[in-house]
C-alpha atoms as a PDB file:
ATOM      1  CA  UNK A   1      50.713  -9.976  85.238  1.00  0.00           C
ATOM      2  CA  UNK A   2      50.529  -7.188  87.791  1.00  0.00           C
ATOM      3  CA  UNK A   3      47.902  -4.489  87.371  1.00  0.00           C
ATOM      4  CA  UNK A   4      47.717  -1.008  88.877  1.00  0.00           C
ATOM      5  CA  UNK A   5      45.279   1.888  88.766  1.00  0.00           C
ATOM      6  CA  UNK A   6      47.354   5.077  88.450  1.00  0.00           C
ATOM      7  CA  UNK A   7      45.147   8.194  88.566  1.00  0.00           C
ATOM      8  CA  UNK A   8      48.007  10.623  87.796  1.00  0.00           C
ATOM      9  CA  UNK A   9      48.457   9.337  84.217  1.00  0.00           C
ATOM     10  CA  UNK A  10      47.171  11.856  81.684  1.00  0.00           C
ATOM     11  CA  UNK A  11      49.519  12.065  78.681  1.00  0.00           C
ATOM     12  CA  UNK A  12      52.321  10.501  76.632  1.00  0.00           C
ATOM     13  CA  UNK A  13      54.922  11.949  79.004  1.00  0.00           C
ATOM     14  CA  UNK A  14      53.220  10.090  81.863  1.00  0.00           C
ATOM     15  CA  UNK A  15      53.343   6.860  79.871  1.00  0.00           C
ATOM     16  CA  UNK A  16      57.099   7.260  79.323  1.00  0.00           C
ATOM     17  CA  UNK A  17      57.731   8.117  82.974  1.00  0.00           C
ATOM     18  CA  UNK A  18      55.718   5.139  84.240  1.00  0.00           C
ATOM     19  CA  UNK A  19      57.390   2.778  81.772  1.00  0.00           C
ATOM     20  CA  UNK A  20      60.865   4.022  82.714  1.00  0.00           C
ATOM     21  CA  UNK A  21      60.127   3.719  86.440  1.00  0.00           C
ATOM     22  CA  UNK A  22      59.011   0.105  86.041  1.00  0.00           C
ATOM     23  CA  UNK A  23      61.957  -0.754  83.803  1.00  0.00           C
ATOM     24  CA  UNK A  24      64.421   0.658  86.333  1.00  0.00           C
ATOM     25  CA  UNK A  25      63.260  -2.138  88.648  1.00  0.00           C
ATOM     26  CA  UNK A  26      63.102  -4.759  85.878  1.00  0.00           C
ATOM     27  CA  UNK A  27      64.667  -3.790  82.536  1.00  0.00           C
ATOM     28  CA  UNK A  28      62.927  -6.753  80.853  1.00  0.00           C
ATOM     29  CA  UNK A  29      59.441  -5.790  82.098  1.00  0.00           C
ATOM     30  CA  UNK A  30      56.680  -5.350  79.550  1.00  0.00           C
ATOM     31  CA  UNK A  31      54.531  -2.349  80.400  1.00  0.00           C
ATOM     32  CA  UNK A  32      51.113  -1.535  78.925  1.00  0.00           C
ATOM     33  CA  UNK A  33      49.645   1.835  79.908  1.00  0.00           C
ATOM     34  CA  UNK A  34      46.092   2.885  79.040  1.00  0.00           C
ATOM     35  CA  UNK A  35      45.854   6.668  79.444  1.00  0.00           C
ATOM     36  CA  UNK A  36      42.057   6.756  79.152  1.00  0.00           C
ATOM     37  CA  UNK A  37      41.406   4.217  81.917  1.00  0.00           C
ATOM     38  CA  UNK A  38      44.573   5.152  83.856  1.00  0.00           C
ATOM     39  CA  UNK A  39      45.370   1.445  84.049  1.00  0.00           C
ATOM     40  CA  UNK A  40      48.891  -0.041  83.989  1.00  0.00           C
ATOM     41  CA  UNK A  41      49.630  -3.705  83.281  1.00  0.00           C
ATOM     42  CA  UNK A  42      53.119  -4.985  84.001  1.00  0.00           C
ATOM     43  CA  UNK A  43      54.536  -8.335  83.011  1.00  0.00           C
ATOM     44  CA  UNK A  44      57.524  -8.785  85.299  1.00  0.00           C
ATOM     45  CA  UNK A  45      59.121 -11.121  87.781  1.00  0.00           C
ATOM     46  CA  UNK A  46      59.790  -8.211  90.142  1.00  0.00           C
ATOM     47  CA  UNK A  47      58.062  -7.957  93.489  1.00  0.00           C
ATOM     48  CA  UNK A  48      54.915  -5.790  93.257  1.00  0.00           C
ATOM     49  CA  UNK A  49      56.045  -3.749  96.283  1.00  0.00           C
ATOM     50  CA  UNK A  50      59.212  -2.712  94.420  1.00  0.00           C
ATOM     51  CA  UNK A  51      57.153  -1.632  91.425  1.00  0.00           C
ATOM     52  CA  UNK A  52      54.797   0.362  93.668  1.00  0.00           C
ATOM     53  CA  UNK A  53      57.789   2.071  95.297  1.00  0.00           C
ATOM     54  CA  UNK A  54      59.297   2.952  91.902  1.00  0.00           C
ATOM     55  CA  UNK A  55      56.012   4.343  90.581  1.00  0.00           C
ATOM     56  CA  UNK A  56      55.452   6.351  93.754  1.00  0.00           C
ATOM     57  CA  UNK A  57      58.979   7.757  93.629  1.00  0.00           C
ATOM     58  CA  UNK A  58      58.402   8.781  89.996  1.00  0.00           C
ATOM     59  CA  UNK A  59      55.271  10.715  91.052  1.00  0.00           C
ATOM     60  CA  UNK A  60      52.698   8.153  89.903  1.00  0.00           C
ATOM     61  CA  UNK A  61      51.472   6.402  93.048  1.00  0.00           C
ATOM     62  CA  UNK A  62      49.166   3.496  92.217  1.00  0.00           C
ATOM     63  CA  UNK A  63      45.877   2.925  94.024  1.00  0.00           C
END
C-alpha cells in the first residue's frame, strides 16, 4: 500500500482525476481517496515515483 497526502483534492471531480491518473500507470490499481483528509491510498505494484509523476502531471502533486 502506497499512501500520499494530496492537498489539491477538494471534490468528486478531483477523486475521479486522481483515480484516473493512478490507473493510467497501473490499470489494476485500487485507489481510495478521502476528500476530507486529502489522503490517497493506492494498492499497486507500480513504482511510487511513477505514481507521483502521474499525479503531478494531472495537477495533483502529492506531498
